[in-house]
Amino acid sequence: QPTQPTSSRWRRITKIAAVIALPVA
């Protein structure tokens, strides 16, 4: 992957986003 975020990362982020304070919404 490049230094910049990609849409493939988004799929992985949504699996673990619940552990952070910033809501996915």
PDB file of all heavy atoms in Angstrom:
ATOM      1  N   GLN A   1       0.822  -1.193   0.000  1.00  0.00           N
ATOM      2  CA  GLN A   1       0.000   0.000   0.000  1.00  0.00           C
ATOM      3  C   GLN A   1       0.860   1.248   0.000  1.00  0.00           C
ATOM      4  O   GLN A   1       1.975   1.243   0.503  1.00  0.00           O
ATOM      5  CB  GLN A   1      -0.906   0.034   1.236  1.00  0.00           C
ATOM      6  CG  GLN A   1      -1.910  -1.108   1.250  1.00  0.00           C
ATOM      7  CD  GLN A   1      -2.778  -1.063   2.469  1.00  0.00           C
ATOM      8  OE1 GLN A   1      -2.453  -0.414   3.439  1.00  0.00           O
ATOM      9  NE2 GLN A   1      -3.886  -1.755   2.430  1.00  0.00           N
ATOM     10  N   PRO A   2       0.326   2.351  -0.522  1.00  0.00           N
ATOM     11  CA  PRO A   2       1.063   3.603  -0.518  1.00  0.00           C
ATOM     12  C   PRO A   2       0.945   4.292   0.814  1.00  0.00           C
ATOM     13  O   PRO A   2       0.196   3.869   1.684  1.00  0.00           O
ATOM     14  CB  PRO A   2       0.351   4.411  -1.604  1.00  0.00           C
ATOM     15  CG  PRO A   2      -1.052   3.935  -1.504  1.00  0.00           C
ATOM     16  CD  PRO A   2      -0.974   2.471  -1.162  1.00  0.00           C
ATOM     17  N   THR A   3       1.664   5.409   0.972  1.00  0.00           N
ATOM     18  CA  THR A   3       1.561   6.187   2.188  1.00  0.00           C
ATOM     19  C   THR A   3       0.156   6.743   2.367  1.00  0.00           C
ATOM     20  O   THR A   3      -0.361   6.823   3.464  1.00  0.00           O
ATOM     21  CB  THR A   3       2.575   7.339   2.158  1.00  0.00           C
ATOM     22  OG1 THR A   3       3.881   6.790   2.031  1.00  0.00           O
ATOM     23  CG2 THR A   3       2.502   8.153   3.439  1.00  0.00           C
ATOM     24  N   GLN A   4      -0.500   7.114   1.276  1.00  0.00           N
ATOM     25  CA  GLN A   4      -1.826   7.667   1.361  1.00  0.00           C
ATOM     26  C   GLN A   4      -2.839   6.563   1.647  1.00  0.00           C
ATOM     27  O   GLN A   4      -2.680   5.442   1.211  1.00  0.00           O
ATOM     28  CB  GLN A   4      -2.220   8.364   0.046  1.00  0.00           C
ATOM     29  CG  GLN A   4      -1.336   9.542  -0.281  1.00  0.00           C
ATOM     30  CD  GLN A   4      -0.097   9.134  -1.037  1.00  0.00           C
ATOM     31  OE1 GLN A   4       0.226   7.964  -1.129  1.00  0.00           O
ATOM     32  NE2 GLN A   4       0.603  10.104  -1.565  1.00  0.00           N
ATOM     33  N   PRO A   5      -3.952   6.859   2.373  1.00  0.00           N
ATOM     34  CA  PRO A   5      -4.972   5.858   2.633  1.00  0.00           C
ATOM     35  C   PRO A   5      -5.672   5.468   1.350  1.00  0.00           C
ATOM     36  O   PRO A   5      -5.856   6.277   0.454  1.00  0.00           O
ATOM     37  CB  PRO A   5      -5.941   6.570   3.593  1.00  0.00           C
ATOM     38  CG  PRO A   5      -5.746   8.014   3.328  1.00  0.00           C
ATOM     39  CD  PRO A   5      -4.285   8.158   2.973  1.00  0.00           C
ATOM     40  N   THR A   6      -6.108   4.192   1.257  1.00  0.00           N
ATOM     41  CA  THR A   6      -6.826   3.718   0.089  1.00  0.00           C
ATOM     42  C   THR A   6      -8.167   3.165   0.517  1.00  0.00           C
ATOM     43  O   THR A   6      -8.400   2.878   1.685  1.00  0.00           O
ATOM     44  CB  THR A   6      -6.041   2.603  -0.634  1.00  0.00           C
ATOM     45  OG1 THR A   6      -5.980   1.474   0.232  1.00  0.00           O
ATOM     46  CG2 THR A   6      -4.648   3.053  -0.987  1.00  0.00           C
ATOM     47  N   SER A   7      -9.047   2.948  -0.454  1.00  0.00           N
ATOM     48  CA  SER A   7     -10.372   2.445  -0.134  1.00  0.00           C
ATOM     49  C   SER A   7     -10.316   1.034   0.416  1.00  0.00           C
ATOM     50  O   SER A   7     -11.211   0.607   1.131  1.00  0.00           O
ATOM     51  CB  SER A   7     -11.263   2.504  -1.370  1.00  0.00           C
ATOM     52  OG  SER A   7     -10.654   1.883  -2.465  1.00  0.00           O
ATOM     53  N   SER A   8      -9.276   0.254   0.098  1.00  0.00           N
ATOM     54  CA  SER A   8      -9.159  -1.077   0.673  1.00  0.00           C
ATOM     55  C   SER A   8      -8.970  -0.997   2.175  1.00  0.00           C
ATOM     56  O   SER A   8      -9.409  -1.859   2.919  1.00  0.00           O
ATOM     57  CB  SER A   8      -7.994  -1.831   0.035  1.00  0.00           C
ATOM     58  OG  SER A   8      -6.789  -1.187   0.278  1.00  0.00           O
ATOM     59  N   ARG A   9      -8.298   0.035   2.627  1.00  0.00           N
ATOM     60  CA  ARG A   9      -8.117   0.214   4.064  1.00  0.00           C
ATOM     61  C   ARG A   9      -9.457   0.447   4.746  1.00  0.00           C
ATOM     62  O   ARG A   9      -9.677   0.047   5.878  1.00  0.00           O
ATOM     63  CB  ARG A   9      -7.209   1.398   4.338  1.00  0.00           C
ATOM     64  CG  ARG A   9      -5.751   1.114   4.033  1.00  0.00           C
ATOM     65  CD  ARG A   9      -4.925   2.319   4.354  1.00  0.00           C
ATOM     66  NE  ARG A   9      -3.539   2.058   4.085  1.00  0.00           N
ATOM     67  CZ  ARG A   9      -2.643   3.007   3.973  1.00  0.00           C
ATOM     68  NH1 ARG A   9      -3.000   4.260   4.087  1.00  0.00           N
ATOM     69  NH2 ARG A   9      -1.389   2.725   3.745  1.00  0.00           N
ATOM     70  N   TRP A  10     -10.357   1.117   4.059  1.00  0.00           N
ATOM     71  CA  TRP A  10     -11.646   1.429   4.663  1.00  0.00           C
ATOM     72  C   TRP A  10     -12.378   0.165   5.069  1.00  0.00           C
ATOM     73  O   TRP A  10     -13.012   0.110   6.113  1.00  0.00           O
ATOM     74  CB  TRP A  10     -12.474   2.229   3.673  1.00  0.00           C
ATOM     75  CG  TRP A  10     -13.836   2.556   4.200  1.00  0.00           C
ATOM     76  CD1 TRP A  10     -15.037   2.062   3.789  1.00  0.00           C
ATOM     77  CD2 TRP A  10     -14.132   3.452   5.268  1.00  0.00           C
ATOM     78  NE1 TRP A  10     -16.047   2.586   4.507  1.00  0.00           N
ATOM     79  CE2 TRP A  10     -15.527   3.441   5.429  1.00  0.00           C
ATOM     80  CE3 TRP A  10     -13.354   4.244   6.093  1.00  0.00           C
ATOM     81  CZ2 TRP A  10     -16.162   4.210   6.398  1.00  0.00           C
ATOM     82  CZ3 TRP A  10     -13.987   5.016   7.049  1.00  0.00           C
ATOM     83  CH2 TRP A  10     -15.369   4.993   7.200  1.00  0.00           C
ATOM     84  N   ARG A  11     -12.289  -0.891   4.243  1.00  0.00           N
ATOM     85  CA  ARG A  11     -12.950  -2.132   4.578  1.00  0.00           C
ATOM     86  C   ARG A  11     -12.400  -2.695   5.879  1.00  0.00           C
ATOM     87  O   ARG A  11     -13.132  -3.238   6.697  1.00  0.00           O
ATOM     88  CB  ARG A  11     -12.753  -3.159   3.458  1.00  0.00           C
ATOM     89  CG  ARG A  11     -13.315  -2.730   2.119  1.00  0.00           C
ATOM     90  CD  ARG A  11     -13.514  -3.935   1.216  1.00  0.00           C
ATOM     91  NE  ARG A  11     -12.330  -4.768   1.157  1.00  0.00           N
ATOM     92  CZ  ARG A  11     -11.368  -4.602   0.255  1.00  0.00           C
ATOM     93  NH1 ARG A  11     -11.449  -3.644  -0.633  1.00  0.00           N
ATOM     94  NH2 ARG A  11     -10.329  -5.397   0.249  1.00  0.00           N
ATOM     95  N   ARG A  12     -11.079  -2.568   6.084  1.00  0.00           N
ATOM     96  CA  ARG A  12     -10.471  -3.096   7.304  1.00  0.00           C
ATOM     97  C   ARG A  12     -10.780  -2.200   8.500  1.00  0.00           C
ATOM     98  O   ARG A  12     -10.973  -2.676   9.605  1.00  0.00           O
ATOM     99  CB  ARG A  12      -8.955  -3.194   7.106  1.00  0.00           C
ATOM    100  CG  ARG A  12      -8.582  -4.162   5.981  1.00  0.00           C
ATOM    101  CD  ARG A  12      -8.966  -5.571   6.320  1.00  0.00           C
ATOM    102  NE  ARG A  12      -8.708  -6.470   5.209  1.00  0.00           N
ATOM    103  CZ  ARG A  12      -8.970  -7.760   5.245  1.00  0.00           C
ATOM    104  NH1 ARG A  12      -9.499  -8.303   6.308  1.00  0.00           N
ATOM    105  NH2 ARG A  12      -8.720  -8.520   4.190  1.00  0.00           N
ATOM    106  N   ILE A  13     -10.809  -0.900   8.282  1.00  0.00           N
ATOM    107  CA  ILE A  13     -11.078   0.034   9.375  1.00  0.00           C
ATOM    108  C   ILE A  13     -12.431  -0.237   9.992  1.00  0.00           C
ATOM    109  O   ILE A  13     -12.606  -0.209  11.210  1.00  0.00           O
ATOM    110  CB  ILE A  13     -11.010   1.488   8.871  1.00  0.00           C
ATOM    111  CG1 ILE A  13      -9.573   1.837   8.492  1.00  0.00           C
ATOM    112  CG2 ILE A  13     -11.526   2.477   9.908  1.00  0.00           C
ATOM    113  CD1 ILE A  13      -9.465   3.086   7.663  1.00  0.00           C
ATOM    114  N   THR A  14     -13.445  -0.519   9.171  1.00  0.00           N
ATOM    115  CA  THR A  14     -14.793  -0.698   9.687  1.00  0.00           C
ATOM    116  C   THR A  14     -14.912  -1.920  10.582  1.00  0.00           C
ATOM    117  O   THR A  14     -15.837  -1.998  11.394  1.00  0.00           O
ATOM    118  CB  THR A  14     -15.804  -0.817   8.532  1.00  0.00           C
ATOM    119  OG1 THR A  14     -15.416  -1.861   7.652  1.00  0.00           O
ATOM    120  CG2 THR A  14     -15.894   0.486   7.764  1.00  0.00           C
ATOM    121  N   LYS A  15     -13.972  -2.873  10.479  1.00  0.00           N
ATOM    122  CA  LYS A  15     -13.997  -4.056  11.336  1.00  0.00           C
ATOM    123  C   LYS A  15     -13.630  -3.728  12.777  1.00  0.00           C
ATOM    124  O   LYS A  15     -14.029  -4.419  13.697  1.00  0.00           O
ATOM    125  CB  LYS A  15     -13.035  -5.114  10.792  1.00  0.00           C
ATOM    126  CG  LYS A  15     -13.452  -5.716   9.473  1.00  0.00           C
ATOM    127  CD  LYS A  15     -12.380  -6.615   8.914  1.00  0.00           C
ATOM    128  CE  LYS A  15     -12.059  -7.757   9.849  1.00  0.00           C
ATOM    129  NZ  LYS A  15     -11.020  -8.645   9.286  1.00  0.00           N
ATOM    130  N   ILE A  16     -12.829  -2.657  12.971  1.00  0.00           N
ATOM    131  CA  ILE A  16     -12.308  -2.384  14.307  1.00  0.00           C
ATOM    132  C   ILE A  16     -12.601  -0.973  14.797  1.00  0.00           C
ATOM    133  O   ILE A  16     -12.171  -0.583  15.875  1.00  0.00           O
ATOM    134  CB  ILE A  16     -10.788  -2.633  14.349  1.00  0.00           C
ATOM    135  CG1 ILE A  16     -10.086  -1.916  13.196  1.00  0.00           C
ATOM    136  CG2 ILE A  16     -10.486  -4.099  14.318  1.00  0.00           C
ATOM    137  CD1 ILE A  16      -8.584  -2.110  13.191  1.00  0.00           C
ATOM    138  N   ALA A  17     -13.396  -0.247  14.040  1.00  0.00           N
ATOM    139  CA  ALA A  17     -13.639   1.154  14.391  1.00  0.00           C
ATOM    140  C   ALA A  17     -14.385   1.316  15.704  1.00  0.00           C
ATOM    141  O   ALA A  17     -14.368   2.389  16.314  1.00  0.00           O
ATOM    142  CB  ALA A  17     -14.420   1.844  13.276  1.00  0.00           C
ATOM    143  N   ALA A  18     -15.057   0.265  16.173  1.00  0.00           N
ATOM    144  CA  ALA A  18     -15.830   0.371  17.401  1.00  0.00           C
ATOM    145  C   ALA A  18     -14.970   0.609  18.617  1.00  0.00           C
ATOM    146  O   ALA A  18     -15.468   1.042  19.663  1.00  0.00           O
ATOM    147  CB  ALA A  18     -16.659  -0.904  17.603  1.00  0.00           C
ATOM    148  N   VAL A  19     -13.678   0.354  18.540  1.00  0.00           N
ATOM    149  CA  VAL A  19     -12.824   0.500  19.712  1.00  0.00           C
ATOM    150  C   VAL A  19     -12.356   1.931  19.921  1.00  0.00           C
ATOM    151  O   VAL A  19     -11.681   2.214  20.901  1.00  0.00           O
ATOM    152  CB  VAL A  19     -11.579  -0.410  19.612  1.00  0.00           C
ATOM    153  CG1 VAL A  19     -11.998  -1.849  19.445  1.00  0.00           C
ATOM    154  CG2 VAL A  19     -10.665   0.031  18.469  1.00  0.00           C
ATOM    155  N   ILE A  20     -12.684   2.827  19.012  1.00  0.00           N
ATOM    156  CA  ILE A  20     -12.229   4.204  19.154  1.00  0.00           C
ATOM    157  C   ILE A  20     -13.396   5.107  19.487  1.00  0.00           C
ATOM    158  O   ILE A  20     -14.561   4.767  19.284  1.00  0.00           O
ATOM    159  CB  ILE A  20     -11.519   4.698  17.878  1.00  0.00           C
ATOM    160  CG1 ILE A  20     -12.480   4.655  16.687  1.00  0.00           C
ATOM    161  CG2 ILE A  20     -10.294   3.882  17.588  1.00  0.00           C
ATOM    162  CD1 ILE A  20     -11.881   5.237  15.424  1.00  0.00           C
ATOM    163  N   ALA A  21     -13.086   6.271  20.008  1.00  0.00           N
ATOM    164  CA  ALA A  21     -14.119   7.188  20.458  1.00  0.00           C
ATOM    165  C   ALA A  21     -14.844   7.856  19.307  1.00  0.00           C
ATOM    166  O   ALA A  21     -15.994   8.253  19.440  1.00  0.00           O
ATOM    167  CB  ALA A  21     -13.503   8.257  21.371  1.00  0.00           C
ATOM    168  N   LEU A  22     -14.199   8.026  18.176  1.00  0.00           N
ATOM    169  CA  LEU A  22     -14.813   8.701  17.036  1.00  0.00           C
ATOM    170  C   LEU A  22     -15.817   7.787  16.378  1.00  0.00           C
ATOM    171  O   LEU A  22     -15.468   6.753  15.841  1.00  0.00           O
ATOM    172  CB  LEU A  22     -13.731   9.067  16.018  1.00  0.00           C
ATOM    173  CG  LEU A  22     -14.183   9.912  14.822  1.00  0.00           C
ATOM    174  CD1 LEU A  22     -14.704  11.265  15.292  1.00  0.00           C
ATOM    175  CD2 LEU A  22     -13.032  10.091  13.853  1.00  0.00           C
ATOM    176  N   PRO A  23     -17.092   8.119  16.395  1.00  0.00           N
ATOM    177  CA  PRO A  23     -18.111   7.216  15.844  1.00  0.00           C
ATOM    178  C   PRO A  23     -17.960   7.050  14.347  1.00  0.00           C
ATOM    179  O   PRO A  23     -17.620   7.971  13.628  1.00  0.00           O
ATOM    180  CB  PRO A  23     -19.433   7.920  16.178  1.00  0.00           C
ATOM    181  CG  PRO A  23     -19.096   8.933  17.233  1.00  0.00           C
ATOM    182  CD  PRO A  23     -17.668   9.325  16.997  1.00  0.00           C
ATOM    183  N   VAL A  24     -18.278   5.856  13.891  1.00  0.00           N
ATOM    184  CA  VAL A  24     -18.235   5.595  12.463  1.00  0.00           C
ATOM    185  C   VAL A  24     -19.210   6.503  11.729  1.00  0.00           C
ATOM    186  O   VAL A  24     -18.965   6.930  10.610  1.00  0.00           O
ATOM    187  CB  VAL A  24     -18.565   4.116  12.177  1.00  0.00           C
ATOM    188  CG1 VAL A  24     -18.699   3.865  10.682  1.00  0.00           C
ATOM    189  CG2 VAL A  24     -17.505   3.211  12.765  1.00  0.00           C
ATOM    190  N   ALA A  25     -20.331   6.819  12.389  1.00  0.00           N
ATOM    191  CA  ALA A  25     -21.324   7.684  11.745  1.00  0.00           C
ATOM    192  C   ALA A  25     -20.750   9.042  11.390  1.00  0.00           C
ATOM    193  O   ALA A  25     -21.077   9.615  10.345  1.00  0.00           O
ATOM    194  CB  ALA A  25     -22.529   7.865  12.666  1.00  0.00           C
TER     195      ALA A  25
END
